[in-house]
């Protein structure tokens, strides 16, 4: 046998290239050449994975016969879990076809998994495919299920798949962090200012209890927050104030100020105007009036002012279902535009609002950002459209306004877009640093460490409907059969406030959509099939002919 010359092109290839390929194959080293670095784990993810101390298994119910789009999601999920296992060998995974062993639907539903039914067309025949796009994370005798598909209305299947892949790393690693954390953070809900009732706030409490220990904060003296309540407040990583209707006392404001100065996070849902839809539905007309909770100077310290004029958005609004007629004694319902229920639609890349359904506000007012506060950053989460009207109060709100939704009424004026919700972060300064009240608080702090708060100019954003004494899920409108994004927004808000691993930034991951032209695929399908069939044969024939010609020329 003739020896290969090491200096020949073939020799260089065998000596240099092949060993390099073998080394890269078995070492697991990969180069991420994508523009958005979609195959590179973040530092935050790596830290969470390294912190897993016991065996953890991820069961992915994406196995079986389903469309190619879900095959892509399956591949992306498998790749990511392989990367997880490389970081920490204690993490393992397996893919399961729930239909092959015929797992009962009741068992899957008990794990929080609902079937999805997909239409499929092959050779002119239409069939229905059942799929369970979920994963179950099991760790130390506990488990949690998570959907792998983003539940967002108003987008097509391709966009839904892309956004699901974008959120895959955050979805998996945030749940891994929650299930492996030994000590859960505590969230307190203030109960003293005529806030929402337990039934009206049940949806929020359920979402809070998924990842945190949440419970009420009731003043010990049954009157107001005092120094007696400070030890309990210090145990709370976050404090939620939902629709207070009783004014805060000056002593309470000092307590809350010092809670924030000591690093406590706060989520405020504030109604500056009293306007209830139940009253309006019964009487057809209602007179909203301002609500003064004595917090104007408090929020002013953080560069915020909550106004007491109702915001009407005549472009982005929810529908109101009303009885508009009767046929044979049966009421006829019609869904009509109601500008007092504007929709919060994410128009920026903030991780709190990204890839969620529109958020429903009910009789919101607006927030002014005043600026001029050192070391504080204010980020707008939701705002109205450019077609916004302001109604000063007190003033009547009448159901008849539906007929003239885009016209100016009494004490109304056109306005620029108004802000509904903001996130404030930075090092806060106490409003009482140079005031006599500082002496009433032992260990008074004049400034906070890096801190965060979220302020929403609508107290009803966290209220779930109650029908016949039974609370509905948060964000569900039973009359119009719509699912709004209130639950996901508030869940993200809590996660943002309590995120000490910077995982929320993963929700901003963007994958550029490189979609195929399906019409062109159908038109050129036959041509590409012939090309794929004949091109390899032509290449092999060309190479064979070239070798034959070289051999004949050399050995003549």
Protein backbone atom coordinates (compact mmCIF):
# COMPACT_ATOMS: atom_id res chain seq x y z
CA UNK A 1 0.00 0.00 0.00
CA UNK A 2 1.30 3.41 -0.98
CA UNK A 3 2.13 5.71 1.98
CA UNK A 4 0.46 9.09 2.27
CA UNK A 5 2.84 12.02 1.99
CA UNK A 6 2.51 14.19 5.11
CA UNK A 7 3.23 17.30 3.07
CA UNK A 8 0.51 16.60 0.52
CA UNK A 9 -2.93 18.29 0.84
CA UNK A 10 -4.45 14.97 1.84
CA UNK A 11 -1.77 14.44 4.47
CA UNK A 12 -2.27 17.91 5.95
CA UNK A 13 -6.01 17.27 6.10
CA UNK A 14 -5.63 13.95 7.87
CA UNK A 15 -2.99 15.16 10.34
CA UNK A 16 -4.48 18.56 11.22
CA UNK A 17 -8.20 18.65 10.53
CA UNK A 18 -9.40 15.22 11.58
CA UNK A 19 -7.78 15.30 15.09
CA UNK A 20 -9.26 18.78 15.59
CA UNK A 21 -12.73 17.50 14.70
CA UNK A 22 -12.33 14.57 17.10
CA UNK A 23 -11.17 16.85 19.93
CA UNK A 24 -14.08 19.26 19.44
CA UNK A 25 -16.56 16.38 19.21
CA UNK A 26 -15.56 14.66 22.45
CA UNK A 27 -14.69 17.78 24.44
CA UNK A 28 -18.19 19.22 24.05
CA UNK A 29 -16.78 22.60 22.99
CA UNK A 30 -19.26 24.49 20.80
CA UNK A 31 -19.04 27.81 19.04
CA UNK A 32 -22.16 29.97 19.11
CA UNK A 33 -22.03 31.89 15.84
CA UNK A 34 -25.62 33.19 16.04
CA UNK A 35 -26.08 36.94 16.12
CA UNK A 36 -28.32 36.84 19.22
CA UNK A 37 -26.17 34.21 21.02
CA UNK A 38 -29.19 31.96 21.37
CA UNK A 39 -27.07 28.94 22.31
CA UNK A 40 -25.05 30.64 25.04
CA UNK A 41 -26.27 30.38 28.65
CA UNK A 42 -26.23 33.56 30.71
CA UNK A 43 -24.06 33.97 33.80
CA UNK A 44 -27.22 34.16 35.93
CA UNK A 45 -28.39 30.80 34.59
CA UNK A 46 -25.02 29.18 35.23
CA UNK A 47 -25.01 30.36 38.87
CA UNK A 48 -28.50 28.92 39.45
CA UNK A 49 -27.56 25.58 37.87
CA UNK A 50 -24.36 25.34 39.89
CA UNK A 51 -26.36 25.86 43.10
CA UNK A 52 -28.41 22.65 42.58
CA UNK A 53 -27.16 20.27 45.31
CA UNK A 54 -29.41 17.22 44.82
CA UNK A 55 -30.47 15.20 41.75
CA UNK A 56 -32.98 17.07 39.62
CA UNK A 57 -34.93 15.57 36.72
CA UNK A 58 -36.80 17.39 33.97
CA UNK A 59 -39.50 15.34 32.24
CA UNK A 60 -40.42 16.84 28.88
CA UNK A 61 -43.72 15.70 27.35
CA UNK A 62 -42.63 16.47 23.80
CA UNK A 63 -42.17 13.07 22.27
CA UNK A 64 -44.24 11.46 19.54
CA UNK A 65 -45.73 12.32 16.18
CA UNK A 66 -46.43 16.03 15.88
CA UNK A 67 -45.84 18.90 13.40
CA UNK A 68 -42.35 20.08 12.44
CA UNK A 69 -42.78 23.34 14.37
CA UNK A 70 -43.03 21.38 17.61
CA UNK A 71 -40.07 19.28 16.52
CA UNK A 72 -38.12 22.53 16.51
CA UNK A 73 -39.29 23.32 20.05
CA UNK A 74 -38.37 19.78 21.05
CA UNK A 75 -34.88 20.20 19.60
CA UNK A 76 -34.34 23.57 21.29
CA UNK A 77 -35.50 22.17 24.63
CA UNK A 78 -33.25 19.12 24.32
CA UNK A 79 -30.23 21.24 23.43
CA UNK A 80 -30.79 23.56 26.39
CA UNK A 81 -31.20 20.69 28.85
CA UNK A 82 -28.00 19.13 27.51
CA UNK A 83 -26.24 22.41 28.26
CA UNK A 84 -27.77 22.40 31.75
CA UNK A 85 -26.41 18.89 32.34
CA UNK A 86 -22.93 19.95 31.26
CA UNK A 87 -22.96 22.72 33.85
CA UNK A 88 -24.22 20.40 36.62
CA UNK A 89 -24.27 16.58 36.20
CA UNK A 90 -26.93 16.37 38.93
CA UNK A 91 -29.41 17.71 36.39
CA UNK A 92 -30.88 15.05 34.09
CA UNK A 93 -33.79 14.94 31.68
CA UNK A 94 -35.94 12.58 29.66
CA UNK A 95 -38.53 12.99 26.92
CA UNK A 96 -41.88 11.25 27.35
CA UNK A 97 -44.70 10.51 24.92
CA UNK A 98 -47.79 10.74 27.17
CA UNK A 99 -49.95 8.99 24.58
CA UNK A 100 -47.84 5.86 24.09
CA UNK A 101 -48.18 4.52 27.65
CA UNK A 102 -51.70 5.98 27.66
CA UNK A 103 -51.29 8.14 30.74
CA UNK A 104 -54.84 8.99 31.94
CA UNK A 105 -55.97 12.52 31.21
CA UNK A 106 -56.93 12.94 34.87
CA UNK A 107 -53.36 12.20 35.92
CA UNK A 108 -51.98 14.73 33.47
CA UNK A 109 -54.57 17.32 34.54
CA UNK A 110 -53.62 16.73 38.19
CA UNK A 111 -50.07 17.73 37.22
CA UNK A 112 -51.43 20.95 35.69
CA UNK A 113 -51.20 19.81 32.07
CA UNK A 114 -53.98 20.40 29.57
CA UNK A 115 -54.06 18.83 26.13
CA UNK A 116 -53.61 20.92 22.98
CA UNK A 117 -55.32 19.78 19.80
CA UNK A 118 -53.57 20.67 16.56
CA UNK A 119 -54.95 20.31 13.02
CA UNK A 120 -52.62 18.46 10.68
CA UNK A 121 -52.81 18.09 6.91
CA UNK A 122 -50.97 15.39 5.00
CA UNK A 123 -51.67 14.34 1.42
CA UNK A 124 -54.97 16.18 1.45
CA UNK A 125 -56.19 14.49 4.63
CA UNK A 126 -56.93 16.49 7.76
CA UNK A 127 -56.37 14.93 11.16
CA UNK A 128 -56.18 16.15 14.75
CA UNK A 129 -53.04 15.67 16.82
CA UNK A 130 -53.10 15.64 20.61
CA UNK A 131 -50.05 17.11 22.31
CA UNK A 132 -49.01 18.06 25.84
CA UNK A 133 -46.35 20.81 25.49
CA UNK A 134 -45.27 20.76 29.14
CA UNK A 135 -42.28 19.95 31.28
CA UNK A 136 -42.26 18.64 34.84
CA UNK A 137 -39.34 19.43 37.13
CA UNK A 138 -38.82 16.95 39.98
CA UNK A 139 -36.52 17.69 42.89
CA UNK A 140 -36.31 16.24 46.40
CA UNK A 141 -39.82 14.66 46.41
CA UNK A 142 -41.45 17.77 44.99
CA UNK A 143 -42.47 18.64 41.46
CA UNK A 144 -43.77 21.50 39.37
CA UNK A 145 -45.19 21.59 35.84
CA UNK A 146 -44.59 24.42 33.40
CA UNK A 147 -45.98 25.10 29.94
CA UNK A 148 -43.43 25.31 27.15
CA UNK A 149 -45.73 27.33 24.89
CA UNK A 150 -46.30 31.05 25.46
CA UNK A 151 -50.00 31.72 26.06
CA UNK A 152 -50.50 34.98 24.20
CA UNK A 153 -53.46 36.07 22.11
CA UNK A 154 -53.26 38.04 18.88
CA UNK A 155 -50.20 36.30 17.45
CA UNK A 156 -49.92 33.55 14.84
CA UNK A 157 -48.46 30.08 15.39
CA UNK A 158 -44.99 30.99 14.08
CA UNK A 159 -44.72 33.99 16.40
CA UNK A 160 -45.96 31.89 19.31
CA UNK A 161 -43.28 29.29 18.66
CA UNK A 162 -40.55 31.93 18.36
CA UNK A 163 -41.57 33.61 21.61
CA UNK A 164 -41.76 30.25 23.34
CA UNK A 165 -38.17 29.52 22.31
CA UNK A 166 -37.11 33.02 23.40
CA UNK A 167 -38.53 32.42 26.86
CA UNK A 168 -37.32 28.84 27.18
CA UNK A 169 -34.19 29.54 29.22
CA UNK A 170 -36.00 31.85 31.66
CA UNK A 171 -38.94 29.47 31.92
CA UNK A 172 -36.76 26.51 32.83
CA UNK A 173 -34.14 28.15 35.02
CA UNK A 174 -36.57 30.31 37.02
CA UNK A 175 -38.60 27.23 37.91
CA UNK A 176 -35.44 25.31 38.76
CA UNK A 177 -34.44 28.14 41.09
CA UNK A 178 -37.85 28.21 42.77
CA UNK A 179 -38.03 24.47 43.36
CA UNK A 180 -34.45 24.15 44.65
CA UNK A 181 -34.47 27.18 46.96
CA UNK A 182 -34.38 26.07 50.57
CA UNK A 183 -35.85 29.24 52.05
CA UNK A 184 -38.57 31.08 50.15
CA UNK A 185 -38.87 34.84 50.33
CA UNK A 186 -41.80 36.36 52.19
CA UNK A 187 -44.37 38.71 50.70
CA UNK A 188 -46.62 40.73 52.99
CA UNK A 189 -50.03 42.08 51.99
CA UNK A 190 -51.09 45.12 53.99
CA UNK A 191 -54.54 44.75 55.56
CA UNK A 192 -55.59 48.00 57.24
CA UNK A 193 -56.61 50.59 54.64
CA UNK A 194 -59.95 49.15 53.43
CA UNK A 195 -58.13 47.21 50.72
CA UNK A 196 -59.59 44.53 48.45
CA UNK A 197 -61.51 41.75 50.18
CA UNK A 198 -59.99 38.24 50.46
CA UNK A 199 -62.29 36.86 47.73
CA UNK A 200 -61.41 39.72 45.39
CA UNK A 201 -57.68 39.20 46.03
CA UNK A 202 -57.62 35.41 45.94
CA UNK A 203 -56.17 35.22 42.42
CA UNK A 204 -53.21 37.38 43.37
CA UNK A 205 -52.57 35.40 46.57
CA UNK A 206 -52.56 32.15 44.60
CA UNK A 207 -49.95 33.40 42.13
CA UNK A 208 -47.85 34.83 44.97
CA UNK A 209 -47.93 31.54 46.88
CA UNK A 210 -46.58 29.66 43.87
CA UNK A 211 -43.06 30.98 44.50
CA UNK A 212 -43.18 32.89 47.78
CA UNK A 213 -44.55 32.70 51.31
CA UNK A 214 -47.33 35.29 51.22
CA UNK A 215 -49.58 36.43 54.04
CA UNK A 216 -51.38 39.42 55.56
CA UNK A 217 -49.78 42.23 57.55
CA UNK A 218 -52.34 43.38 60.13
CA UNK A 219 -51.32 46.13 62.59
CA UNK A 220 -51.09 44.77 66.10
CA UNK A 221 -52.98 47.70 67.56
CA UNK A 222 -55.79 47.21 64.99
CA UNK A 223 -55.59 50.93 64.14
CA UNK A 224 -52.41 51.78 62.24
CA UNK A 225 -48.92 50.52 61.51
CA UNK A 226 -46.64 51.23 64.44
CA UNK A 227 -43.20 50.35 65.78
CA UNK A 228 -44.72 47.10 67.10
CA UNK A 229 -45.14 45.94 63.50
CA UNK A 230 -41.56 46.72 62.43
CA UNK A 231 -40.10 43.28 63.39
CA UNK A 232 -42.70 41.55 61.21
CA UNK A 233 -42.17 44.00 58.34
CA UNK A 234 -38.42 43.35 58.44
CA UNK A 235 -39.12 39.70 57.67
CA UNK A 236 -40.92 40.65 54.46
CA UNK A 237 -38.88 40.90 51.28
CA UNK A 238 -41.76 42.72 49.58
CA UNK A 239 -44.90 44.53 50.69
CA UNK A 240 -48.07 44.71 48.55
CA UNK A 241 -50.55 47.57 49.01
CA UNK A 242 -53.65 46.85 46.92
CA UNK A 243 -56.34 49.52 46.52
CA UNK A 244 -56.12 51.37 49.85
CA UNK A 245 -59.17 53.54 50.44
CA UNK A 246 -58.38 54.81 53.92
CA UNK A 247 -55.80 57.57 54.32
CA UNK A 248 -52.40 56.66 55.71
CA UNK A 249 -51.42 58.47 58.88
CA UNK A 250 -48.15 60.37 59.15
CA UNK A 251 -46.82 57.71 61.53
CA UNK A 252 -47.60 54.98 59.01
CA UNK A 253 -45.79 56.87 56.27
CA UNK A 254 -42.64 56.98 58.42
CA UNK A 255 -42.92 53.22 58.98
CA UNK A 256 -43.30 52.59 55.24
CA UNK A 257 -40.48 55.02 54.44
CA UNK A 258 -38.11 53.16 56.73
CA UNK A 259 -39.25 49.79 55.42
CA UNK A 260 -38.10 50.96 51.98
CA UNK A 261 -34.89 52.52 53.34
CA UNK A 262 -34.02 49.13 54.86
CA UNK A 263 -34.27 47.43 51.45
CA UNK A 264 -37.93 46.40 51.41
CA UNK A 265 -39.55 46.19 47.97
CA UNK A 266 -43.05 47.60 47.42
CA UNK A 267 -45.84 46.97 44.92
CA UNK A 268 -48.46 49.72 44.92
CA UNK A 269 -51.91 49.45 43.27
CA UNK A 270 -53.49 52.84 43.87
CA UNK A 271 -56.94 54.22 43.05
CA UNK A 272 -56.90 58.02 43.05
CA UNK A 273 -60.57 58.07 42.01
CA UNK A 274 -63.51 56.10 43.41
CA UNK A 275 -65.43 54.62 40.47
CA UNK A 276 -67.04 51.18 40.66
CA UNK A 277 -68.40 49.31 37.66
CA UNK A 278 -70.97 47.42 39.76
CA UNK A 279 -72.61 50.71 40.75
CA UNK A 280 -72.56 51.96 37.18
CA UNK A 281 -74.15 48.76 35.84
CA UNK A 282 -77.03 49.02 38.33
CA UNK A 283 -77.74 52.76 38.04
CA UNK A 284 -76.47 53.42 34.47
CA UNK A 285 -74.71 56.50 35.81
CA UNK A 286 -72.17 57.11 38.54
CA UNK A 287 -70.37 60.12 40.00
CA UNK A 288 -66.64 59.29 40.53
CA UNK A 289 -64.84 61.40 43.10
CA UNK A 290 -61.20 61.79 44.17
CA UNK A 291 -59.74 59.55 46.86
CA UNK A 292 -57.11 61.11 49.08
CA UNK A 293 -54.96 58.51 50.84
CA UNK A 294 -52.49 61.17 52.07
CA UNK A 295 -49.59 59.81 49.99
CA UNK A 296 -48.94 62.66 47.56
CA UNK A 297 -45.76 63.83 49.32
CA UNK A 298 -44.66 60.22 49.80
CA UNK A 299 -44.64 59.43 46.06
CA UNK A 300 -43.34 62.90 45.21
CA UNK A 301 -40.15 61.91 47.05
CA UNK A 302 -39.61 59.22 44.38
CA UNK A 303 -40.37 61.55 41.48
CA UNK A 304 -43.97 60.38 40.99
CA UNK A 305 -47.36 62.06 41.10
CA UNK A 306 -50.62 60.11 40.82
CA UNK A 307 -53.30 62.28 39.23
CA UNK A 308 -57.01 62.12 39.98
CA UNK A 309 -58.42 62.52 36.45
CA UNK A 310 -59.90 59.44 34.78
CA UNK A 311 -58.12 58.26 31.64
CA UNK A 312 -60.22 57.32 28.60
CA UNK A 313 -58.39 55.55 25.81
CA UNK A 314 -60.46 55.57 22.62
CA UNK A 315 -58.02 53.38 20.71
CA UNK A 316 -56.83 50.62 23.06
CA UNK A 317 -59.76 49.51 25.21
CA UNK A 318 -61.56 46.42 26.50
CA UNK A 319 -65.09 45.51 25.53
CA UNK A 320 -68.07 45.74 27.84
CA UNK A 321 -70.87 43.23 27.37
CA UNK A 322 -74.30 44.78 27.87
CA UNK A 323 -77.93 43.83 27.28
CA UNK A 324 -78.95 45.72 24.13
CA UNK A 325 -82.22 44.01 23.26
CA UNK A 326 -84.61 41.15 23.83
CA UNK A 327 -85.92 38.36 21.60
CA UNK A 328 -88.82 36.19 22.82
CA UNK A 329 -88.08 37.15 26.38
CA UNK A 330 -84.36 36.31 26.08
CA UNK A 331 -81.90 39.15 26.63
CA UNK A 332 -79.54 39.88 23.74
CA UNK A 333 -75.98 40.82 24.66
CA UNK A 334 -73.57 42.95 22.64
CA UNK A 335 -69.90 43.65 23.30
CA UNK A 336 -69.26 47.37 23.01
CA UNK A 337 -66.14 49.54 23.39
CA UNK A 338 -65.62 50.94 26.87
CA UNK A 339 -62.81 53.54 26.94
CA UNK A 340 -62.73 53.64 30.77
CA UNK A 341 -61.22 50.12 30.62
CA UNK A 342 -58.02 50.83 28.64
CA UNK A 343 -55.65 48.02 27.73
CA UNK A 344 -52.00 47.94 28.64
CA UNK A 345 -50.17 46.62 25.60
CA UNK A 346 -46.42 46.15 25.88
CA UNK A 347 -44.66 48.42 23.39
CA UNK A 348 -41.15 48.20 24.80
CA UNK A 349 -38.70 45.47 25.74
CA UNK A 350 -39.20 45.62 29.47
CA UNK A 351 -38.96 42.06 30.85
CA UNK A 352 -41.95 42.67 33.14
CA UNK A 353 -44.37 43.27 30.27
CA UNK A 354 -42.78 41.37 27.38
CA UNK A 355 -44.78 38.58 25.70
CA UNK A 356 -47.92 38.76 27.84
CA UNK A 357 -51.56 39.29 26.96
CA UNK A 358 -52.96 42.84 27.10
CA UNK A 359 -53.50 43.97 30.69
CA UNK A 360 -56.94 45.28 31.60
CA UNK A 361 -57.19 48.49 33.64
CA UNK A 362 -60.50 49.60 35.17
CA UNK A 363 -61.09 53.32 35.65
CA UNK A 364 -57.36 54.09 35.92
CA UNK A 365 -55.86 57.49 36.46
CA UNK A 366 -52.33 58.43 35.39
CA UNK A 367 -48.83 58.86 36.77
CA UNK A 368 -46.56 61.83 36.12
CA UNK A 369 -42.81 61.21 36.28
CA UNK A 370 -41.23 64.34 37.70
CA UNK A 371 -37.54 63.56 37.27
CA UNK A 372 -34.72 65.37 39.02
CA UNK A 373 -34.14 62.54 41.51
CA UNK A 374 -30.50 61.48 41.79
CA UNK A 375 -29.66 57.77 41.55
CA UNK A 376 -33.24 56.88 40.55
CA UNK A 377 -34.32 55.37 37.24
CA UNK A 378 -37.99 55.35 36.25
CA UNK A 379 -39.18 52.92 33.58
CA UNK A 380 -42.62 53.16 32.01
CA UNK A 381 -44.40 49.79 31.95
CA UNK A 382 -47.75 50.72 30.37
CA UNK A 383 -49.24 53.88 28.90
CA UNK A 384 -52.31 54.85 26.92
CA UNK A 385 -52.46 55.48 23.18
CA UNK A 386 -52.14 58.85 21.46
CA UNK A 387 -55.95 59.01 21.31
CA UNK A 388 -56.49 59.70 24.99
CA UNK A 389 -59.08 61.81 26.79
CA UNK A 390 -59.01 63.02 30.40
CA UNK A 391 -62.14 63.39 32.52
CA UNK A 392 -61.77 65.56 35.59
CA UNK A 393 -63.70 64.49 38.68
CA UNK A 394 -66.15 64.80 40.28
CA UNK A 395 -68.11 64.30 37.10
CA UNK A 396 -70.70 61.85 35.80
CA UNK A 397 -69.73 58.65 33.99
CA UNK A 398 -72.67 57.39 31.95
CA UNK A 399 -73.12 54.12 30.07
CA UNK A 400 -74.50 56.22 27.21
CA UNK A 401 -70.94 57.37 26.53
CA UNK A 402 -70.48 54.09 24.65
CA UNK A 403 -72.47 55.62 21.79
CA UNK A 404 -70.12 58.61 21.60
CA UNK A 405 -66.90 56.89 22.59
CA UNK A 406 -64.62 59.23 20.63
CA UNK A 407 -66.33 62.55 21.37
CA UNK A 408 -65.54 65.06 24.08
CA UNK A 409 -67.94 65.25 26.99
CA UNK A 410 -68.30 67.66 29.87
CA UNK A 411 -64.98 68.43 31.61
CA UNK A 412 -63.08 66.26 29.12
CA UNK A 413 -60.08 67.31 27.07
CA UNK A 414 -57.74 65.65 24.57
CA UNK A 415 -54.37 64.69 25.98
CA UNK A 416 -51.06 63.06 25.21
CA UNK A 417 -50.47 59.38 26.18
CA UNK A 418 -50.76 58.88 29.93
CA UNK A 419 -48.71 56.49 32.06
CA UNK A 420 -50.54 53.71 33.94
CA UNK A 421 -47.64 51.87 35.61
CA UNK A 422 -43.95 52.48 36.31
CA UNK A 423 -40.99 50.65 37.81
CA UNK A 424 -38.63 52.74 39.94
CA UNK A 425 -35.18 51.51 40.89
CA UNK A 426 -32.02 52.92 42.42
CA UNK A 427 -30.81 54.25 45.77
CA UNK A 428 -33.71 56.01 47.43
CA UNK A 429 -33.43 58.93 49.87
CA UNK A 430 -35.76 59.19 52.83
CA UNK A 431 -38.37 61.94 52.75
CA UNK A 432 -37.84 62.37 56.49
CA UNK A 433 -34.03 62.72 56.52
CA UNK A 434 -34.23 66.38 57.55
CA UNK A 435 -37.54 66.30 59.41
CA UNK A 436 -38.38 65.91 63.07
CA UNK A 437 -40.16 62.58 62.44
CA UNK A 438 -36.78 60.82 62.06
CA UNK A 439 -36.40 60.91 65.85
CA UNK A 440 -39.50 58.75 66.30
CA UNK A 441 -37.91 55.76 64.53
CA UNK A 442 -35.02 53.92 66.29
CA UNK A 443 -32.09 53.28 63.94
CA UNK A 444 -33.42 55.72 61.34
CA UNK A 445 -31.84 55.38 57.87
CA UNK A 446 -31.55 58.37 55.55
CA UNK A 447 -30.90 56.35 52.38
CA UNK A 448 -31.55 52.86 51.03
CA UNK A 449 -29.32 50.34 49.29
CA UNK A 450 -30.19 49.49 45.67
CA UNK A 451 -33.95 49.08 45.76
CA UNK A 452 -37.03 48.75 43.55
CA UNK A 453 -40.72 49.58 43.61
CA UNK A 454 -43.62 49.35 41.17
CA UNK A 455 -46.48 51.86 41.20
CA UNK A 456 -49.73 51.24 39.30
CA UNK A 457 -52.43 53.90 38.99
CA UNK A 458 -55.25 51.37 39.25
CA UNK A 459 -56.32 49.53 42.39
CA UNK A 460 -58.44 47.02 40.46
CA UNK A 461 -55.62 45.59 38.37
CA UNK A 462 -55.14 42.85 40.98
CA UNK A 463 -58.82 42.23 41.65
CA UNK A 464 -60.43 39.05 40.37
CA UNK A 465 -64.16 38.91 39.69
CA UNK A 466 -66.45 37.11 42.11
CA UNK A 467 -69.53 35.42 40.63
CA UNK A 468 -72.14 33.93 42.97
CA UNK A 469 -69.64 33.94 45.80
CA UNK A 470 -67.02 32.08 43.75
CA UNK A 471 -63.79 33.91 42.80
CA UNK A 472 -62.77 33.69 39.15
CA UNK A 473 -59.14 33.44 38.01
CA UNK A 474 -57.35 36.77 37.87
CA UNK A 475 -57.68 38.47 34.49
CA UNK A 476 -60.67 36.41 33.30
CA UNK A 477 -63.71 38.27 31.92
CA UNK A 478 -66.51 35.72 31.97
CA UNK A 479 -68.92 37.88 29.95
CA UNK A 480 -66.62 38.48 26.98
CA UNK A 481 -64.73 35.19 27.47
CA UNK A 482 -61.37 36.94 27.35
CA UNK A 483 -58.18 36.18 29.26
CA UNK A 484 -56.23 39.33 30.03
CA UNK A 485 -52.61 39.44 31.13
CA UNK A 486 -53.16 40.82 34.65
CA UNK A 487 -52.02 37.62 36.35
CA UNK A 488 -48.83 37.29 34.33
CA UNK A 489 -48.05 40.98 34.71
CA UNK A 490 -48.33 40.89 38.50
CA UNK A 491 -46.38 37.62 38.68
CA UNK A 492 -43.60 39.24 36.64
CA UNK A 493 -43.81 42.33 38.84
CA UNK A 494 -43.17 40.27 41.97
CA UNK A 495 -40.37 38.34 40.27
CA UNK A 496 -38.78 41.61 39.18
CA UNK A 497 -38.92 43.07 42.68
CA UNK A 498 -37.49 39.93 44.30
CA UNK A 499 -35.05 38.91 41.56
CA UNK A 500 -31.62 38.86 43.18
CA UNK A 501 -30.13 36.68 40.43
CA UNK A 502 -30.90 39.01 37.51
CA UNK A 503 -32.89 36.25 35.81
CA UNK A 504 -35.61 38.64 34.62
CA UNK A 505 -33.25 39.97 31.95
CA UNK A 506 -33.58 36.59 30.22
CA UNK A 507 -37.14 37.56 29.32
CA UNK A 508 -35.65 40.19 27.01
CA UNK A 509 -33.87 37.58 24.90
CA UNK A 510 -34.76 38.16 21.27
CA UNK A 511 -34.54 35.61 18.48
CA UNK A 512 -34.78 37.03 15.01
CA UNK A 513 -37.58 35.38 13.07
CA UNK A 514 -36.28 33.77 9.90
CA UNK A 515 -39.51 32.44 8.54
CA UNK A 516 -39.89 30.48 5.32
CA UNK A 517 -42.18 31.62 2.51
CA UNK A 518 -44.77 28.84 2.63
CA UNK A 519 -46.39 29.85 -0.66
CA UNK A 520 -43.04 29.70 -2.44
CA UNK A 521 -42.37 26.32 -0.83
CA UNK A 522 -45.56 24.91 -2.34
CA UNK A 523 -44.84 26.41 -5.75
CA UNK A 524 -41.21 25.22 -5.94
CA UNK A 525 -41.58 21.97 -4.00
CA UNK A 526 -41.07 19.67 -7.02
CA UNK A 527 -38.03 21.59 -8.28
CA UNK A 528 -36.27 21.37 -4.93
CA UNK A 529 -37.05 17.66 -4.63
CA UNK A 530 -35.42 16.95 -8.00
CA UNK A 531 -32.46 19.16 -7.06
CA UNK A 532 -31.92 17.29 -3.79
CA UNK A 533 -32.10 14.00 -5.65
CA UNK A 534 -29.85 14.77 -8.63
CA UNK A 535 -27.31 17.23 -7.16
CA UNK A 536 -25.56 14.66 -4.90
CA UNK A 537 -25.33 12.22 -7.83
CA UNK A 538 -23.87 14.94 -10.04
CA UNK A 539 -21.27 15.89 -7.41
CA UNK A 540 -20.23 12.26 -6.91
CA UNK A 541 -19.99 11.80 -10.69
CA UNK A 542 -17.90 14.98 -11.05
CA UNK A 543 -15.50 13.97 -8.29
CA UNK A 544 -15.22 10.46 -9.71
CA UNK A 545 -14.51 11.84 -13.18
CA UNK A 546 -11.88 14.23 -11.77
CA UNK A 547 -10.08 11.42 -9.96
CA UNK A 548 -10.20 9.24 -13.10
CA UNK A 549 -8.75 12.09 -15.21
CA UNK A 550 -5.95 12.80 -12.69
CA UNK A 551 -5.08 9.11 -12.45
CA UNK A 552 -4.99 8.73 -16.23
CA UNK A 553 -2.84 11.85 -16.60
CA UNK A 554 -0.38 10.70 -13.91
CA UNK A 555 -0.03 7.08 -14.90
CA UNK A 556 -0.90 7.58 -18.62
